[in-house]
C-alpha atoms as a PDB file:
ATOM      1  CA  UNK A   1      16.901   6.344  21.892  1.00  0.00           C
ATOM      2  CA  UNK A   2      18.796   3.716  19.944  1.00  0.00           C
ATOM      3  CA  UNK A   3      21.011   4.652  17.027  1.00  0.00           C
ATOM      4  CA  UNK A   4      18.727   5.799  14.227  1.00  0.00           C
ATOM      5  CA  UNK A   5      20.761   3.956  11.609  1.00  0.00           C
ATOM      6  CA  UNK A   6      19.759   0.594  13.049  1.00  0.00           C
ATOM      7  CA  UNK A   7      16.407   0.723  11.324  1.00  0.00           C
ATOM      8  CA  UNK A   8      17.994   0.350   7.901  1.00  0.00           C
ATOM      9  CA  UNK A   9      19.079  -3.188   8.562  1.00  0.00           C
ATOM     10  CA  UNK A  10      16.111  -3.989  10.700  1.00  0.00           C
ATOM     11  CA  UNK A  11      13.108  -3.305   8.536  1.00  0.00           C
ATOM     12  CA  UNK A  12      14.513  -4.038   5.081  1.00  0.00           C
ATOM     13  CA  UNK A  13      12.731  -7.048   3.701  1.00  0.00           C
ATOM     14  CA  UNK A  14      10.526  -7.742   6.711  1.00  0.00           C
ATOM     15  CA  UNK A  15       7.113  -6.506   5.626  1.00  0.00           C
ATOM     16  CA  UNK A  16       5.202  -7.772   2.615  1.00  0.00           C
ATOM     17  CA  UNK A  17       1.732  -6.348   2.583  1.00  0.00           C
ATOM     18  CA  UNK A  18      -0.944  -8.391   0.919  1.00  0.00           C
ATOM     19  CA  UNK A  19      -2.471  -6.389  -1.890  1.00  0.00           C
ATOM     20  CA  UNK A  20      -4.893  -7.207  -4.665  1.00  0.00           C
ATOM     21  CA  UNK A  21      -5.442  -6.100  -8.240  1.00  0.00           C
ATOM     22  CA  UNK A  22      -8.696  -7.920  -8.624  1.00  0.00           C
ATOM     23  CA  UNK A  23     -10.731  -7.175 -11.717  1.00  0.00           C
ATOM     24  CA  UNK A  24     -10.401  -7.130 -15.467  1.00  0.00           C
ATOM     25  CA  UNK A  25      -9.868  -3.370 -15.572  1.00  0.00           C
ATOM     26  CA  UNK A  26      -8.804  -3.053 -11.928  1.00  0.00           C
ATOM     27  CA  UNK A  27     -11.364  -1.999  -9.351  1.00  0.00           C
ATOM     28  CA  UNK A  28     -11.582   1.616  -8.412  1.00  0.00           C
ATOM     29  CA  UNK A  29     -11.600   2.736  -4.790  1.00  0.00           C
ATOM     30  CA  UNK A  30     -14.303   1.086  -2.723  1.00  0.00           C
ATOM     31  CA  UNK A  31     -15.634   4.529  -1.883  1.00  0.00           C
ATOM     32  CA  UNK A  32     -16.783   4.849  -5.505  1.00  0.00           C
ATOM     33  CA  UNK A  33     -18.793   1.615  -5.473  1.00  0.00           C
ATOM     34  CA  UNK A  34     -22.583   1.536  -5.677  1.00  0.00           C
ATOM     35  CA  UNK A  35     -23.556   0.244  -2.231  1.00  0.00           C
ATOM     36  CA  UNK A  36     -27.296   0.698  -2.602  1.00  0.00           C
ATOM     37  CA  UNK A  37     -28.074  -3.018  -3.011  1.00  0.00           C
ATOM     38  CA  UNK A  38     -25.812  -4.424  -0.314  1.00  0.00           C
ATOM     39  CA  UNK A  39     -25.876  -4.770   3.461  1.00  0.00           C
ATOM     40  CA  UNK A  40     -23.936  -2.430   5.729  1.00  0.00           C
ATOM     41  CA  UNK A  41     -20.547  -3.691   6.856  1.00  0.00           C
ATOM     42  CA  UNK A  42     -17.560  -2.086   8.581  1.00  0.00           C
ATOM     43  CA  UNK A  43     -13.929  -3.023   8.199  1.00  0.00           C
ATOM     44  CA  UNK A  44     -10.329  -1.951   8.539  1.00  0.00           C
ATOM     45  CA  UNK A  45      -9.558  -1.237   4.847  1.00  0.00           C
ATOM     46  CA  UNK A  46      -6.260  -3.137   4.926  1.00  0.00           C
ATOM     47  CA  UNK A  47      -5.520  -6.803   4.325  1.00  0.00           C
ATOM     48  CA  UNK A  48      -3.506  -8.114   7.261  1.00  0.00           C
ATOM     49  CA  UNK A  49      -0.767  -5.495   7.605  1.00  0.00           C
ATOM     50  CA  UNK A  50      -0.134  -1.815   7.245  1.00  0.00           C
ATOM     51  CA  UNK A  51       3.056   0.141   7.862  1.00  0.00           C
ATOM     52  CA  UNK A  52       2.592   3.341   9.855  1.00  0.00           C
ATOM     53  CA  UNK A  53       5.687   5.387   9.109  1.00  0.00           C
ATOM     54  CA  UNK A  54       7.125   8.256  11.135  1.00  0.00           C
ATOM     55  CA  UNK A  55      10.089  10.612  10.982  1.00  0.00           C
ATOM     56  CA  UNK A  56      12.802  10.493  13.622  1.00  0.00           C
ATOM     57  CA  UNK A  57      12.227  13.938  15.131  1.00  0.00           C
ATOM     58  CA  UNK A  58      12.226  15.362  18.666  1.00  0.00           C
ATOM     59  CA  UNK A  59       8.480  15.958  18.609  1.00  0.00           C
ATOM     60  CA  UNK A  60       5.572  13.478  18.715  1.00  0.00           C
ATOM     61  CA  UNK A  61       3.863  12.666  15.439  1.00  0.00           C
ATOM     62  CA  UNK A  62       0.296  11.673  14.652  1.00  0.00           C
ATOM     63  CA  UNK A  63      -0.534   8.864  12.224  1.00  0.00           C
ATOM     64  CA  UNK A  64      -4.076   7.890  11.273  1.00  0.00           C
ATOM     65  CA  UNK A  65      -5.830   4.541  11.454  1.00  0.00           C
ATOM     66  CA  UNK A  66      -8.983   4.315   9.331  1.00  0.00           C
ATOM     67  CA  UNK A  67     -12.174   2.315   9.571  1.00  0.00           C
ATOM     68  CA  UNK A  68     -14.496   2.037   6.596  1.00  0.00           C
ATOM     69  CA  UNK A  69     -18.233   1.645   6.099  1.00  0.00           C
ATOM     70  CA  UNK A  70     -19.690  -0.244   3.155  1.00  0.00           C
ATOM     71  CA  UNK A  71     -23.322  -0.474   2.113  1.00  0.00           C
ATOM     72  CA  UNK A  72     -26.045   2.165   2.271  1.00  0.00           C
ATOM     73  CA  UNK A  73     -24.985   5.238   4.192  1.00  0.00           C
ATOM     74  CA  UNK A  74     -26.916   5.416   7.508  1.00  0.00           C
ATOM     75  CA  UNK A  75     -28.709   8.638   8.389  1.00  0.00           C
ATOM     76  CA  UNK A  76     -26.736   8.905  11.634  1.00  0.00           C
ATOM     77  CA  UNK A  77     -23.205   8.732  12.995  1.00  0.00           C
ATOM     78  CA  UNK A  78     -21.732   5.249  13.457  1.00  0.00           C
ATOM     79  CA  UNK A  79     -19.287   4.555  16.264  1.00  0.00           C
ATOM     80  CA  UNK A  80     -16.827   1.729  15.630  1.00  0.00           C
ATOM     81  CA  UNK A  81     -15.018   0.347  18.673  1.00  0.00           C
ATOM     82  CA  UNK A  82     -11.565  -1.189  18.359  1.00  0.00           C
ATOM     83  CA  UNK A  83      -9.473  -3.160  20.832  1.00  0.00           C
ATOM     84  CA  UNK A  84      -5.899  -4.353  21.029  1.00  0.00           C
ATOM     85  CA  UNK A  85      -5.360  -7.778  19.461  1.00  0.00           C
ATOM     86  CA  UNK A  86      -2.225  -9.303  21.021  1.00  0.00           C
ATOM     87  CA  UNK A  87      -3.261 -12.751  19.796  1.00  0.00           C
ATOM     88  CA  UNK A  88      -2.720 -11.558  16.210  1.00  0.00           C
ATOM     89  CA  UNK A  89       0.917 -10.791  17.003  1.00  0.00           C
ATOM     90  CA  UNK A  90       1.405 -14.171  18.697  1.00  0.00           C
ATOM     91  CA  UNK A  91      -0.201 -16.026  15.787  1.00  0.00           C
ATOM     92  CA  UNK A  92       1.841 -14.152  13.217  1.00  0.00           C
ATOM     93  CA  UNK A  93       5.106 -14.763  15.021  1.00  0.00           C
ATOM     94  CA  UNK A  94       4.285 -18.461  15.393  1.00  0.00           C
ATOM     95  CA  UNK A  95       3.509 -18.749  11.695  1.00  0.00           C
ATOM     96  CA  UNK A  96       6.752 -17.027  10.697  1.00  0.00           C
ATOM     97  CA  UNK A  97       9.242 -19.088  12.634  1.00  0.00           C
ATOM     98  CA  UNK A  98      11.678 -21.264  10.704  1.00  0.00           C
ATOM     99  CA  UNK A  99      12.884 -24.393  12.473  1.00  0.00           C
ATOM    100  CA  UNK A 100      13.338 -26.548   9.368  1.00  0.00           C
ATOM    101  CA  UNK A 101      16.823 -28.021   8.887  1.00  0.00           C
ATOM    102  CA  UNK A 102      17.871 -28.180   5.246  1.00  0.00           C
ATOM    103  CA  UNK A 103      21.209 -28.711   3.478  1.00  0.00           C
ATOM    104  CA  UNK A 104      21.405 -24.989   2.790  1.00  0.00           C
ATOM    105  CA  UNK A 105      20.116 -24.024   6.231  1.00  0.00           C
ATOM    106  CA  UNK A 106      21.600 -26.564   8.702  1.00  0.00           C
ATOM    107  CA  UNK A 107      21.185 -24.246  11.669  1.00  0.00           C
ATOM    108  CA  UNK A 108      17.883 -22.383  11.306  1.00  0.00           C
ATOM    109  CA  UNK A 109      17.835 -19.213  13.320  1.00  0.00           C
ATOM    110  CA  UNK A 110      14.277 -19.695  14.481  1.00  0.00           C
ATOM    111  CA  UNK A 111      12.365 -16.453  14.179  1.00  0.00           C
ATOM    112  CA  UNK A 112      12.144 -15.074  10.644  1.00  0.00           C
ATOM    113  CA  UNK A 113       9.891 -12.127  11.417  1.00  0.00           C
ATOM    114  CA  UNK A 114       8.988 -11.269  14.980  1.00  0.00           C
ATOM    115  CA  UNK A 115       6.785  -8.340  15.861  1.00  0.00           C
ATOM    116  CA  UNK A 116       6.934  -6.832  19.330  1.00  0.00           C
ATOM    117  CA  UNK A 117       4.167  -4.752  20.855  1.00  0.00           C
ATOM    118  CA  UNK A 118       5.196  -1.095  20.733  1.00  0.00           C
ATOM    119  CA  UNK A 119       6.186   0.045  24.222  1.00  0.00           C
ATOM    120  CA  UNK A 120       3.472   1.898  26.105  1.00  0.00           C
ATOM    121  CA  UNK A 121       5.820   4.859  26.600  1.00  0.00           C
ATOM    122  CA  UNK A 122       6.330   5.186  22.836  1.00  0.00           C
ATOM    123  CA  UNK A 123       2.763   5.999  21.840  1.00  0.00           C
ATOM    124  CA  UNK A 124      -0.524   7.482  22.938  1.00  0.00           C
ATOM    125  CA  UNK A 125      -3.872   6.151  21.817  1.00  0.00           C
ATOM    126  CA  UNK A 126      -6.379   7.750  24.186  1.00  0.00           C
ATOM    127  CA  UNK A 127      -9.484   6.497  22.419  1.00  0.00           C
ATOM    128  CA  UNK A 128     -10.309   3.318  20.529  1.00  0.00           C
ATOM    129  CA  UNK A 129     -13.572   4.563  19.054  1.00  0.00           C
ATOM    130  CA  UNK A 130     -13.725   5.857  15.491  1.00  0.00           C
ATOM    131  CA  UNK A 131     -16.791   7.872  14.528  1.00  0.00           C
ATOM    132  CA  UNK A 132     -18.009   7.611  10.945  1.00  0.00           C
ATOM    133  CA  UNK A 133     -19.989  10.805  10.479  1.00  0.00           C
ATOM    134  CA  UNK A 134     -23.432  10.798   8.923  1.00  0.00           C
ATOM    135  CA  UNK A 135     -23.086  10.839   5.138  1.00  0.00           C
ATOM    136  CA  UNK A 136     -19.456   9.662   5.205  1.00  0.00           C
ATOM    137  CA  UNK A 137     -17.696   6.315   4.868  1.00  0.00           C
ATOM    138  CA  UNK A 138     -14.447   6.733   6.788  1.00  0.00           C
ATOM    139  CA  UNK A 139     -13.722   7.149  10.463  1.00  0.00           C
ATOM    140  CA  UNK A 140     -10.339   7.911  11.994  1.00  0.00           C
ATOM    141  CA  UNK A 141      -8.420   7.026  15.130  1.00  0.00           C
ATOM    142  CA  UNK A 142      -5.296   9.090  15.733  1.00  0.00           C
ATOM    143  CA  UNK A 143      -2.201   7.340  17.035  1.00  0.00           C
ATOM    144  CA  UNK A 144       0.524   9.569  18.481  1.00  0.00           C
ATOM    145  CA  UNK A 145       4.043   8.170  18.146  1.00  0.00           C
ATOM    146  CA  UNK A 146       6.834   9.462  20.379  1.00  0.00           C
ATOM    147  CA  UNK A 147       9.976   8.880  18.278  1.00  0.00           C
ATOM    148  CA  UNK A 148      12.458   9.242  21.127  1.00  0.00           C
ATOM    149  CA  UNK A 149      10.794   6.320  22.916  1.00  0.00           C
ATOM    150  CA  UNK A 150      10.648   3.911  19.963  1.00  0.00           C
ATOM    151  CA  UNK A 151      13.245   1.130  20.216  1.00  0.00           C
ATOM    152  CA  UNK A 152      14.506   0.938  16.632  1.00  0.00           C
ATOM    153  CA  UNK A 153      16.406  -2.289  17.291  1.00  0.00           C
ATOM    154  CA  UNK A 154      13.187  -4.327  17.243  1.00  0.00           C
ATOM    155  CA  UNK A 155      10.218  -4.698  14.925  1.00  0.00           C
ATOM    156  CA  UNK A 156       7.519  -2.663  16.634  1.00  0.00           C
ATOM    157  CA  UNK A 157       3.843  -3.118  15.945  1.00  0.00           C
ATOM    158  CA  UNK A 158       0.363  -2.555  17.298  1.00  0.00           C
ATOM    159  CA  UNK A 159      -2.382  -5.050  16.482  1.00  0.00           C
ATOM    160  CA  UNK A 160      -5.978  -3.798  16.527  1.00  0.00           C
ATOM    161  CA  UNK A 161      -9.337  -5.366  15.803  1.00  0.00           C
ATOM    162  CA  UNK A 162     -12.910  -4.150  15.453  1.00  0.00           C
ATOM    163  CA  UNK A 163     -15.081  -5.441  18.283  1.00  0.00           C
ATOM    164  CA  UNK A 164     -18.302  -3.450  17.895  1.00  0.00           C
ATOM    165  CA  UNK A 165     -20.057  -1.302  15.281  1.00  0.00           C
ATOM    166  CA  UNK A 166     -23.418  -0.562  16.898  1.00  0.00           C
ATOM    167  CA  UNK A 167     -25.122  -3.570  15.351  1.00  0.00           C
ATOM    168  CA  UNK A 168     -23.568  -3.225  11.884  1.00  0.00           C
ATOM    169  CA  UNK A 169     -21.845  -6.350  10.587  1.00  0.00           C
ATOM    170  CA  UNK A 170     -18.056  -6.545  10.861  1.00  0.00           C
ATOM    171  CA  UNK A 171     -16.178  -7.971   7.874  1.00  0.00           C
ATOM    172  CA  UNK A 172     -14.609 -11.150   9.207  1.00  0.00           C
ATOM    173  CA  UNK A 173     -11.585 -11.025   6.893  1.00  0.00           C
ATOM    174  CA  UNK A 174     -10.931  -7.317   7.493  1.00  0.00           C
ATOM    175  CA  UNK A 175     -11.506  -6.928  11.197  1.00  0.00           C
ATOM    176  CA  UNK A 176      -7.932  -7.314  12.497  1.00  0.00           C
ATOM    177  CA  UNK A 177      -4.741  -5.595  11.326  1.00  0.00           C
ATOM    178  CA  UNK A 178      -1.129  -5.564  12.474  1.00  0.00           C
ATOM    179  CA  UNK A 179       0.157  -1.995  12.177  1.00  0.00           C
ATOM    180  CA  UNK A 180       3.948  -2.093  11.885  1.00  0.00           C
ATOM    181  CA  UNK A 181       5.626   1.029  13.265  1.00  0.00           C
ATOM    182  CA  UNK A 182       8.486   1.939  10.930  1.00  0.00           C
ATOM    183  CA  UNK A 183      10.713   4.904  10.162  1.00  0.00           C
ATOM    184  CA  UNK A 184       9.880   6.693   6.915  1.00  0.00           C
ATOM    185  CA  UNK A 185      12.243   5.926   4.103  1.00  0.00           C
ATOM    186  CA  UNK A 186      13.566   8.715   1.898  1.00  0.00           C
ATOM    187  CA  UNK A 187      10.855   8.376  -0.783  1.00  0.00           C
ATOM    188  CA  UNK A 188       7.835   8.523   1.544  1.00  0.00           C
ATOM    189  CA  UNK A 189       5.973  11.664   0.423  1.00  0.00           C
ATOM    190  CA  UNK A 190       3.190  13.129  -1.709  1.00  0.00           C
ATOM    191  CA  UNK A 191       3.880  13.463  -5.430  1.00  0.00           C
ATOM    192  CA  UNK A 192       2.262  15.360  -8.283  1.00  0.00           C
ATOM    193  CA  UNK A 193       1.606  12.630 -10.845  1.00  0.00           C
ATOM    194  CA  UNK A 194       0.948  13.268 -14.533  1.00  0.00           C
ATOM    195  CA  UNK A 195       0.893  10.927 -17.494  1.00  0.00           C
ATOM    196  CA  UNK A 196      -1.393   8.664 -19.476  1.00  0.00           C
ATOM    197  CA  UNK A 197      -3.370   5.491 -18.795  1.00  0.00           C
ATOM    198  CA  UNK A 198      -3.526   3.526 -22.057  1.00  0.00           C
ATOM    199  CA  UNK A 199      -6.588   1.282 -22.154  1.00  0.00           C
ATOM    200  CA  UNK A 200      -8.309  -0.341 -25.180  1.00  0.00           C
ATOM    201  CA  UNK A 201     -11.630   1.346 -24.401  1.00  0.00           C
ATOM    202  CA  UNK A 202     -11.081   3.738 -21.499  1.00  0.00           C
ATOM    203  CA  UNK A 203      -7.817   5.569 -22.074  1.00  0.00           C
ATOM    204  CA  UNK A 204      -7.340   8.772 -20.135  1.00  0.00           C
ATOM    205  CA  UNK A 205      -4.916  11.380 -18.890  1.00  0.00           C
ATOM    206  CA  UNK A 206      -3.525  11.097 -15.373  1.00  0.00           C
ATOM    207  CA  UNK A 207      -3.210  14.277 -13.325  1.00  0.00           C
ATOM    208  CA  UNK A 208      -3.430  13.651  -9.611  1.00  0.00           C
ATOM    209  CA  UNK A 209      -1.593  13.552  -6.290  1.00  0.00           C
ATOM    210  CA  UNK A 210      -0.393  10.193  -5.012  1.00  0.00           C
ATOM    211  CA  UNK A 211       1.544   9.115  -1.953  1.00  0.00           C
ATOM    212  CA  UNK A 212       4.437   6.680  -1.678  1.00  0.00           C
ATOM    213  CA  UNK A 213       4.053   4.786   1.584  1.00  0.00           C
ATOM    214  CA  UNK A 214       6.983   3.261   3.432  1.00  0.00           C
ATOM    215  CA  UNK A 215       7.085  -0.526   3.625  1.00  0.00           C
ATOM    216  CA  UNK A 216      10.698  -0.810   4.700  1.00  0.00           C
ATOM    217  CA  UNK A 217      14.028   0.940   4.175  1.00  0.00           C
ATOM    218  CA  UNK A 218      13.973   0.487   0.389  1.00  0.00           C
ATOM    219  CA  UNK A 219      10.411  -0.568  -0.384  1.00  0.00           C
ATOM    220  CA  UNK A 220       7.332   1.574  -1.039  1.00  0.00           C
ATOM    221  CA  UNK A 221       3.677   1.070  -1.899  1.00  0.00           C
ATOM    222  CA  UNK A 222       1.275   3.142  -3.972  1.00  0.00           C
ATOM    223  CA  UNK A 223      -1.738   2.967  -6.278  1.00  0.00           C
ATOM    224  CA  UNK A 224      -1.999   1.722  -9.857  1.00  0.00           C
ATOM    225  CA  UNK A 225      -2.726   4.615 -12.225  1.00  0.00           C
ATOM    226  CA  UNK A 226      -5.885   6.386 -11.075  1.00  0.00           C
ATOM    227  CA  UNK A 227      -7.251   3.202  -9.504  1.00  0.00           C
ATOM    228  CA  UNK A 228      -7.392   2.145  -5.882  1.00  0.00           C
ATOM    229  CA  UNK A 229      -5.415  -1.078  -6.281  1.00  0.00           C
ATOM    230  CA  UNK A 230      -1.954  -1.166  -4.801  1.00  0.00           C
ATOM    231  CA  UNK A 231       1.490  -2.308  -5.843  1.00  0.00           C
ATOM    232  CA  UNK A 232       4.910  -2.281  -4.211  1.00  0.00           C
ATOM    233  CA  UNK A 233       8.456  -1.875  -5.441  1.00  0.00           C
ATOM    234  CA  UNK A 234      11.992  -1.385  -4.165  1.00  0.00           C
ATOM    235  CA  UNK A 235      14.178   1.600  -5.020  1.00  0.00           C
ATOM    236  CA  UNK A 236      17.747   0.361  -5.525  1.00  0.00           C
ATOM    237  CA  UNK A 237      20.456   2.543  -7.076  1.00  0.00           C
ATOM    238  CA  UNK A 238      17.731   4.992  -8.144  1.00  0.00           C
ATOM    239  CA  UNK A 239      15.845   2.301 -10.044  1.00  0.00           C
ATOM    240  CA  UNK A 240      12.320   1.096  -9.196  1.00  0.00           C
ATOM    241  CA  UNK A 241      12.616  -2.710  -9.201  1.00  0.00           C
ATOM    242  CA  UNK A 242      11.018  -5.867  -7.763  1.00  0.00           C
ATOM    243  CA  UNK A 243       7.406  -5.113  -8.658  1.00  0.00           C
ATOM    244  CA  UNK A 244       4.811  -6.881  -6.515  1.00  0.00           C
ATOM    245  CA  UNK A 245       1.035  -6.625  -6.814  1.00  0.00           C
ATOM    246  CA  UNK A 246       0.020  -9.702  -4.846  1.00  0.00           C
ATOM    247  CA  UNK A 247      -2.719 -10.725  -7.286  1.00  0.00           C
ATOM    248  CA  UNK A 248      -3.281 -13.640  -9.608  1.00  0.00           C
ATOM    249  CA  UNK A 249      -2.917 -11.635 -12.804  1.00  0.00           C
ATOM    250  CA  UNK A 250       0.086 -10.494 -14.804  1.00  0.00           C
ATOM    251  CA  UNK A 251       1.523  -7.037 -14.136  1.00  0.00           C
ATOM    252  CA  UNK A 252       4.844  -5.293 -13.766  1.00  0.00           C
ATOM    253  CA  UNK A 253       7.312  -2.690 -14.973  1.00  0.00           C
ATOM    254  CA  UNK A 254       7.664  -2.292 -18.738  1.00  0.00           C
ATOM    255  CA  UNK A 255      10.732  -1.767 -20.906  1.00  0.00           C
ATOM    256  CA  UNK A 256       8.983  -1.639 -24.291  1.00  0.00           C
ATOM    257  CA  UNK A 257       6.304   0.575 -25.843  1.00  0.00           C
ATOM    258  CA  UNK A 258       3.203  -1.513 -26.591  1.00  0.00           C
ATOM    259  CA  UNK A 259       5.057  -4.784 -27.284  1.00  0.00           C
ATOM    260  CA  UNK A 260       1.743  -6.607 -27.800  1.00  0.00           C
ATOM    261  CA  UNK A 261       0.494  -4.117 -30.425  1.00  0.00           C
ATOM    262  CA  UNK A 262      -2.732  -3.397 -28.541  1.00  0.00           C
ATOM    263  CA  UNK A 263      -5.105  -1.086 -30.435  1.00  0.00           C
ATOM    264  CA  UNK A 264      -5.294   2.279 -28.657  1.00  0.00           C
ATOM    265  CA  UNK A 265      -6.931   4.217 -31.480  1.00  0.00           C
ATOM    266  CA  UNK A 266      -9.208   7.189 -30.809  1.00  0.00           C
ATOM    267  CA  UNK A 267     -11.348   8.368 -29.196  1.00  0.00           C
ATOM    268  CA  UNK A 268     -10.598   6.891 -25.790  1.00  0.00           C
ATOM    269  CA  UNK A 269      -6.861   7.610 -25.862  1.00  0.00           C
ATOM    270  CA  UNK A 270      -7.034  11.106 -27.291  1.00  0.00           C
ATOM    271  CA  UNK A 271      -4.762  10.390 -30.238  1.00  0.00           C
ATOM    272  CA  UNK A 272      -1.918   9.220 -28.018  1.00  0.00           C
ATOM    273  CA  UNK A 273      -0.216   5.866 -28.523  1.00  0.00           C
ATOM    274  CA  UNK A 274       2.582   4.239 -26.528  1.00  0.00           C
ATOM    275  CA  UNK A 275       5.914   5.145 -28.060  1.00  0.00           C
ATOM    276  CA  UNK A 276       4.873   8.507 -29.497  1.00  0.00           C
ATOM    277  CA  UNK A 277       6.866  11.674 -28.850  1.00  0.00           C
ATOM    278  CA  UNK A 278       5.076  12.295 -25.551  1.00  0.00           C
ATOM    279  CA  UNK A 279       4.820   8.859 -23.975  1.00  0.00           C
ATOM    280  CA  UNK A 280       7.747   6.608 -24.701  1.00  0.00           C
ATOM    281  CA  UNK A 281      10.234   4.311 -22.989  1.00  0.00           C
ATOM    282  CA  UNK A 282      13.113   6.785 -23.380  1.00  0.00           C
ATOM    283  CA  UNK A 283      11.385   9.323 -21.132  1.00  0.00           C
ATOM    284  CA  UNK A 284       9.417   6.951 -18.902  1.00  0.00           C
ATOM    285  CA  UNK A 285      12.272   4.571 -18.235  1.00  0.00           C
ATOM    286  CA  UNK A 286      11.581   3.457 -14.643  1.00  0.00           C
ATOM    287  CA  UNK A 287      14.195   5.630 -12.998  1.00  0.00           C
ATOM    288  CA  UNK A 288      14.397   8.017 -10.068  1.00  0.00           C
ATOM    289  CA  UNK A 289      16.206  11.343 -10.289  1.00  0.00           C
ATOM    290  CA  UNK A 290      17.349  12.250  -6.743  1.00  0.00           C
ATOM    291  CA  UNK A 291      18.326  15.770  -7.818  1.00  0.00           C
ATOM    292  CA  UNK A 292      14.755  16.654  -8.783  1.00  0.00           C
ATOM    293  CA  UNK A 293      13.081  13.983  -6.626  1.00  0.00           C
ATOM    294  CA  UNK A 294      11.246  12.679  -9.674  1.00  0.00           C
ATOM    295  CA  UNK A 295      10.188   9.174 -10.693  1.00  0.00           C
ATOM    296  CA  UNK A 296       9.598   8.257 -14.342  1.00  0.00           C
ATOM    297  CA  UNK A 297       7.348   5.201 -14.301  1.00  0.00           C
ATOM    298  CA  UNK A 298       6.154   2.830 -17.008  1.00  0.00           C
ATOM    299  CA  UNK A 299       4.171  -0.249 -15.995  1.00  0.00           C
ATOM    300  CA  UNK A 300       1.194  -2.301 -17.090  1.00  0.00           C
ATOM    301  CA  UNK A 301      -1.107  -5.236 -16.487  1.00  0.00           C
ATOM    302  CA  UNK A 302      -3.491  -7.589 -18.236  1.00  0.00           C
ATOM    303  CA  UNK A 303      -6.782  -9.181 -17.307  1.00  0.00           C
ATOM    304  CA  UNK A 304      -5.454 -12.548 -18.502  1.00  0.00           C
ATOM    305  CA  UNK A 305      -3.882 -15.257 -16.359  1.00  0.00           C
ATOM    306  CA  UNK A 306      -0.697 -14.954 -14.348  1.00  0.00           C
ATOM    307  CA  UNK A 307       2.709 -15.717 -15.784  1.00  0.00           C
ATOM    308  CA  UNK A 308       2.461 -13.574 -18.914  1.00  0.00           C
ATOM    309  CA  UNK A 309       5.116 -11.043 -19.845  1.00  0.00           C
ATOM    310  CA  UNK A 310       4.727  -7.409 -20.874  1.00  0.00           C
ATOM    311  CA  UNK A 311       3.707  -8.295 -24.423  1.00  0.00           C
ATOM    312  CA  UNK A 312       0.339  -9.271 -22.921  1.00  0.00           C
ATOM    313  CA  UNK A 313      -0.164  -6.045 -20.962  1.00  0.00           C
ATOM    314  CA  UNK A 314      -3.213  -4.431 -22.546  1.00  0.00           C
ATOM    315  CA  UNK A 315      -3.299  -1.687 -19.901  1.00  0.00           C
ATOM    316  CA  UNK A 316      -0.147   0.439 -20.021  1.00  0.00           C
ATOM    317  CA  UNK A 317       0.585   3.366 -17.724  1.00  0.00           C
ATOM    318  CA  UNK A 318       3.143   6.163 -18.160  1.00  0.00           C
ATOM    319  CA  UNK A 319       3.622   8.413 -15.124  1.00  0.00           C
ATOM    320  CA  UNK A 320       5.911  11.229 -14.014  1.00  0.00           C
ATOM    321  CA  UNK A 321       6.039  11.614 -10.227  1.00  0.00           C
ATOM    322  CA  UNK A 322       7.360  14.931  -8.881  1.00  0.00           C
ATOM    323  CA  UNK A 323       7.739  15.223  -5.127  1.00  0.00           C
ATOM    324  CA  UNK A 324       5.785  18.051  -3.541  1.00  0.00           C
END
């Protein structure tokens, strides 16, 4: 196998997943939606790309690829058939090639991001059928990665698409995904998350388990508060920076306690206010403590237009993340 350190330079900055924070109070997970009035549809619950991260170990590792069912739950199992989608890799590589000569780039290198199909010897995917059990909404395909066979000097990926769902409609915009095969960065793990979600009419405590997913060597992705929407950030010098949510609204890390003076009076926020002795910028200061493997996060968003700063964030979230 290639030198394991090569991945650090390789994957940093190469993957930007498209994510969406797409409602006035941020949509909850699709699995909580009332599907009773809509038509059945299946999809790959990812927009365009997903990083499947693995540890460099001597033993094979299993990562999971999910398919999702929307609409009324059928009274029987549903089998969803996938197939490899090499055209998706070709199209992506063609769209991400830079041949434009500019004064600052007189000799364009050509390929900006170039995915290569993961070598057959580096994985096992014996079945391309995911079964969504009766009464459930998710089906799983298990991909086995063989770390010793993964060439870390290239950007490995597997592209899959849904080709059949036993007569159920397939979501056209969520039927094909490029799964980038990357090495886990040092923050990829489950965390016990506690804190408070300040909201003008639906404030609440946060006490849950969340996962930080690898995007590249320094970048991770996770969920907003107790919602299903995703955001990404880099960890540089033990500081979470470079927030990205991929939506049209305003959101980001915060450095002030309630700079817009939003009213968080009882009962929805339980007597808490941003900046009190429990939830304040001195404690939740957007830092990472490597000794305790703990993140202290403070971020927010607004349902107004894009381009606004934190003084407009009417939803403010304070979270302590402790690695399990």
